[in-house]
């Protein structure tokens, strides 16, 4: 596909979801949330306008530095690995049309998962939606009823109020996770674990991949 592109056509293909601003892709073990410990192929799409100051992938924010990659070729590479699961993350995946890409993945037998802040309308066909809301750009109302998992990053005790406000909007079957922000995790763990023990509908999510020192 790349060789046949004419100058100026890449923009149109990005709008159609045939190309994606790919930052990186890798096969690893999921480190966070409900699917922690499972093997999956991760696809990190460049571009994010949410701007979390504690973000550990700030290099992903500027989509213009990542050359557009063929959605078909990304899917074909993912299919080469034993775990037929793809996790689309970012950056912010909801910035892009993902219907074509997810249909391609499903057509070759791959389970589709996404992690999103919900700040923009989410396209695509997903087997699992992890909603990770951010105060800086709150989720759009329609995504709450679609989320399978709500994962809220906690840095201060005041963030608990934000977590509870979002938890009140998801459907009853949605799983609830509080995840300590990595740089302060040791300091906040005592009161965060106490909060979950007193409010057991919540679970703790850890960034286990950082403990394992894997991508």
Protein backbone atom coordinates (compact mmCIF):
# COMPACT_ATOMS: atom_id res chain seq x y z
CA UNK A 1 0.00 0.00 0.00
CA UNK A 2 2.76 2.46 0.92
CA UNK A 3 4.42 2.28 -2.49
CA UNK A 4 1.19 3.07 -4.28
CA UNK A 5 0.35 6.18 -2.25
CA UNK A 6 0.31 9.41 -4.15
CA UNK A 7 1.37 12.62 -2.46
CA UNK A 8 -1.52 14.01 -0.44
CA UNK A 9 -3.45 10.74 -0.31
CA UNK A 10 -2.15 9.73 3.13
CA UNK A 11 -4.44 12.28 4.77
CA UNK A 12 -7.48 10.70 3.14
CA UNK A 13 -6.39 7.20 4.14
CA UNK A 14 -5.91 8.35 7.73
CA UNK A 15 -9.46 9.72 7.71
CA UNK A 16 -10.73 6.36 6.47
CA UNK A 17 -8.71 4.44 9.06
CA UNK A 18 -6.68 2.60 6.42
CA UNK A 19 -3.55 4.22 7.83
CA UNK A 20 -2.78 4.84 11.50
CA UNK A 21 -0.03 6.96 13.12
CA UNK A 22 1.76 4.00 14.67
CA UNK A 23 4.13 4.84 17.52
CA UNK A 24 5.05 1.28 18.45
CA UNK A 25 3.81 -2.31 18.48
CA UNK A 26 4.99 -5.19 20.62
CA UNK A 27 4.01 -8.57 22.00
CA UNK A 28 3.99 -8.71 25.78
CA UNK A 29 2.02 -9.46 28.93
CA UNK A 30 -0.80 -7.13 29.89
CA UNK A 31 0.24 -5.31 33.01
CA UNK A 32 -2.87 -3.52 34.25
CA UNK A 33 -6.54 -3.90 35.07
CA UNK A 34 -8.82 -6.89 34.63
CA UNK A 35 -6.74 -8.58 31.91
CA UNK A 36 -3.45 -8.33 33.80
CA UNK A 37 -1.19 -11.31 33.19
CA UNK A 38 -2.56 -12.23 29.76
CA UNK A 39 -0.42 -12.20 26.63
CA UNK A 40 -1.43 -9.65 23.99
CA UNK A 41 -0.12 -7.69 21.03
CA UNK A 42 -0.03 -3.99 21.91
CA UNK A 43 -0.51 -1.28 19.32
CA UNK A 44 0.27 2.24 20.50
CA UNK A 45 -1.21 4.95 18.32
CA UNK A 46 0.41 8.38 18.38
CA UNK A 47 -1.51 11.52 19.22
CA UNK A 48 -3.11 12.70 22.45
CA UNK A 49 -4.72 15.99 23.45
CA UNK A 50 -5.56 15.05 27.06
CA UNK A 51 -2.19 16.08 28.53
CA UNK A 52 -1.88 14.23 31.86
CA UNK A 53 1.16 15.73 33.63
CA UNK A 54 2.08 12.30 35.06
CA UNK A 55 1.78 10.49 31.72
CA UNK A 56 4.55 7.91 31.24
CA UNK A 57 4.25 7.98 27.43
CA UNK A 58 4.43 11.70 26.67
CA UNK A 59 6.46 10.83 23.59
CA UNK A 60 3.20 9.61 22.06
CA UNK A 61 1.42 12.96 22.20
CA UNK A 62 2.53 14.41 18.85
CA UNK A 63 1.06 12.23 16.12
CA UNK A 64 2.97 14.07 13.39
CA UNK A 65 6.26 12.42 14.35
CA UNK A 66 4.91 8.93 13.62
CA UNK A 67 4.69 7.99 9.93
CA UNK A 68 1.28 6.59 8.93
CA UNK A 69 1.31 2.79 8.86
CA UNK A 70 -0.98 0.42 6.99
CA UNK A 71 -3.78 -0.93 9.19
CA UNK A 72 -3.75 -4.14 7.14
CA UNK A 73 -0.04 -4.69 7.71
CA UNK A 74 -0.33 -3.99 11.45
CA UNK A 75 -3.08 -6.60 11.67
CA UNK A 76 -1.02 -9.12 9.73
CA UNK A 77 1.92 -8.68 12.09
CA UNK A 78 -0.33 -9.10 15.12
CA UNK A 79 -1.70 -12.35 13.69
CA UNK A 80 1.76 -13.92 13.72
CA UNK A 81 1.77 -14.22 17.53
CA UNK A 82 0.20 -17.00 19.63
CA UNK A 83 -2.17 -14.83 21.68
CA UNK A 84 -4.89 -13.71 19.32
CA UNK A 85 -5.59 -10.53 21.28
CA UNK A 86 -4.77 -6.96 20.31
CA UNK A 87 -4.79 -4.05 22.76
CA UNK A 88 -5.03 -0.63 21.13
CA UNK A 89 -3.69 2.13 23.33
CA UNK A 90 -2.04 5.49 22.95
CA UNK A 91 -1.82 8.32 22.96
CA UNK A 92 -5.57 8.48 22.64
CA UNK A 93 -7.15 5.92 20.27
CA UNK A 94 -10.50 7.72 20.14
CA UNK A 95 -8.90 10.43 17.98
CA UNK A 96 -8.99 8.03 15.02
CA UNK A 97 -11.53 6.05 12.98
CA UNK A 98 -10.99 2.44 14.01
CA UNK A 99 -13.89 0.64 12.36
CA UNK A 100 -11.82 -0.66 9.44
CA UNK A 101 -8.92 -1.76 11.62
CA UNK A 102 -11.03 -3.63 14.16
CA UNK A 103 -13.09 -5.30 11.43
CA UNK A 104 -9.84 -6.47 9.86
CA UNK A 105 -8.62 -7.87 13.17
CA UNK A 106 -11.88 -9.69 13.81
CA UNK A 107 -11.90 -11.13 10.28
CA UNK A 108 -8.64 -12.94 11.07
CA UNK A 109 -9.77 -14.19 14.46
CA UNK A 110 -8.23 -11.59 16.75
CA UNK A 111 -9.92 -10.34 19.92
CA UNK A 112 -10.00 -6.55 20.13
CA UNK A 113 -9.38 -4.46 23.25
CA UNK A 114 -8.92 -0.74 23.71
CA UNK A 115 -7.86 1.62 26.48
CA UNK A 116 -9.28 5.12 26.12
CA UNK A 117 -9.90 8.24 28.15
CA UNK A 118 -13.25 8.55 26.39
CA UNK A 119 -12.51 12.19 25.57
CA UNK A 120 -13.66 11.71 21.96
CA UNK A 121 -16.28 9.48 20.29
CA UNK A 122 -14.93 5.93 20.19
CA UNK A 123 -15.21 4.08 16.89
CA UNK A 124 -14.44 0.43 16.24
CA UNK A 125 -15.78 -2.99 17.19
CA UNK A 126 -14.46 -3.96 20.60
CA UNK A 127 -14.56 -7.09 22.71
CA UNK A 128 -13.25 -5.14 25.70
CA UNK A 129 -13.30 -1.42 26.46
CA UNK A 130 -11.19 -0.11 29.32
CA UNK A 131 -12.28 3.43 30.16
CA UNK A 132 -9.60 5.38 31.98
CA UNK A 133 -11.13 8.83 32.59
CA UNK A 134 -8.98 11.91 33.02
CA UNK A 135 -9.99 15.12 34.78
CA UNK A 136 -8.23 17.22 32.14
CA UNK A 137 -10.61 15.99 29.40
CA UNK A 138 -13.61 14.14 30.89
CA UNK A 139 -15.23 11.24 29.02
CA UNK A 140 -18.11 11.78 26.66
CA UNK A 141 -21.36 10.62 28.25
CA UNK A 142 -22.09 7.85 25.74
CA UNK A 143 -19.02 5.77 26.54
CA UNK A 144 -19.95 5.01 30.14
CA UNK A 145 -22.55 2.44 29.21
CA UNK A 146 -20.15 0.71 26.79
CA UNK A 147 -17.21 0.29 29.16
CA UNK A 148 -16.39 -3.17 30.47
CA UNK A 149 -13.82 -1.79 32.88
CA UNK A 150 -13.35 1.57 34.60
CA UNK A 151 -9.73 2.18 35.59
CA UNK A 152 -9.01 5.42 37.42
CA UNK A 153 -5.45 6.57 38.07
CA UNK A 154 -5.06 7.83 41.63
CA UNK A 155 -2.37 10.31 42.63
CA UNK A 156 -3.99 12.15 45.54
CA UNK A 157 -6.80 11.34 47.96
CA UNK A 158 -8.91 13.95 46.19
CA UNK A 159 -8.86 11.70 43.11
CA UNK A 160 -11.15 9.26 44.91
CA UNK A 161 -14.04 11.70 44.51
CA UNK A 162 -13.36 11.80 40.75
CA UNK A 163 -13.29 8.00 40.65
CA UNK A 164 -16.62 7.72 42.44
CA UNK A 165 -18.25 10.28 40.15
CA UNK A 166 -17.28 8.20 37.13
CA UNK A 167 -18.28 4.93 38.81
CA UNK A 168 -21.79 6.32 39.27
CA UNK A 169 -22.16 6.60 35.49
CA UNK A 170 -21.09 3.14 34.29
CA UNK A 171 -23.42 0.14 34.06
CA UNK A 172 -23.75 -2.32 36.90
CA UNK A 173 -21.56 -5.03 35.35
CA UNK A 174 -18.62 -2.70 34.68
CA UNK A 175 -15.55 -3.66 36.74
CA UNK A 176 -14.04 -0.90 38.88
CA UNK A 177 -10.30 -0.39 39.39
CA UNK A 178 -8.21 2.15 41.24
CA UNK A 179 -4.64 2.35 39.99
CA UNK A 180 -1.94 4.16 41.97
CA UNK A 181 0.09 6.53 39.83
CA UNK A 182 3.53 4.92 39.59
CA UNK A 183 5.67 7.75 40.93
CA UNK A 184 3.69 7.98 44.20
CA UNK A 185 2.48 4.40 44.49
CA UNK A 186 4.53 3.50 47.56
CA UNK A 187 3.32 6.56 49.46
CA UNK A 188 -0.37 6.23 48.70
CA UNK A 189 -0.70 2.46 48.89
CA UNK A 190 -1.61 2.32 52.60
CA UNK A 191 -4.67 4.55 52.37
CA UNK A 192 -5.62 3.33 48.90
CA UNK A 193 -5.73 -0.31 50.00
CA UNK A 194 -7.69 0.73 53.08
CA UNK A 195 -10.20 2.50 50.86
CA UNK A 196 -10.71 -0.63 48.75
CA UNK A 197 -11.13 -2.77 51.85
CA UNK A 198 -13.85 -0.39 53.02
CA UNK A 199 -15.37 -0.14 49.52
CA UNK A 200 -14.96 -3.65 48.09
CA UNK A 201 -16.73 -3.01 44.83
CA UNK A 202 -13.42 -1.44 43.81
CA UNK A 203 -10.26 -3.43 43.03
CA UNK A 204 -6.61 -2.37 42.95
CA UNK A 205 -4.86 -2.29 39.58
CA UNK A 206 -1.07 -2.33 39.62
CA UNK A 207 1.28 -1.58 36.75
CA UNK A 208 2.72 -5.07 37.04
CA UNK A 209 4.68 -4.77 33.80
CA UNK A 210 6.89 -2.20 35.54
CA UNK A 211 7.60 -4.64 38.34
CA UNK A 212 8.33 -7.33 35.73
CA UNK A 213 10.45 -4.87 33.72
CA UNK A 214 8.75 -5.69 30.45
CA UNK A 215 7.14 -3.35 27.89
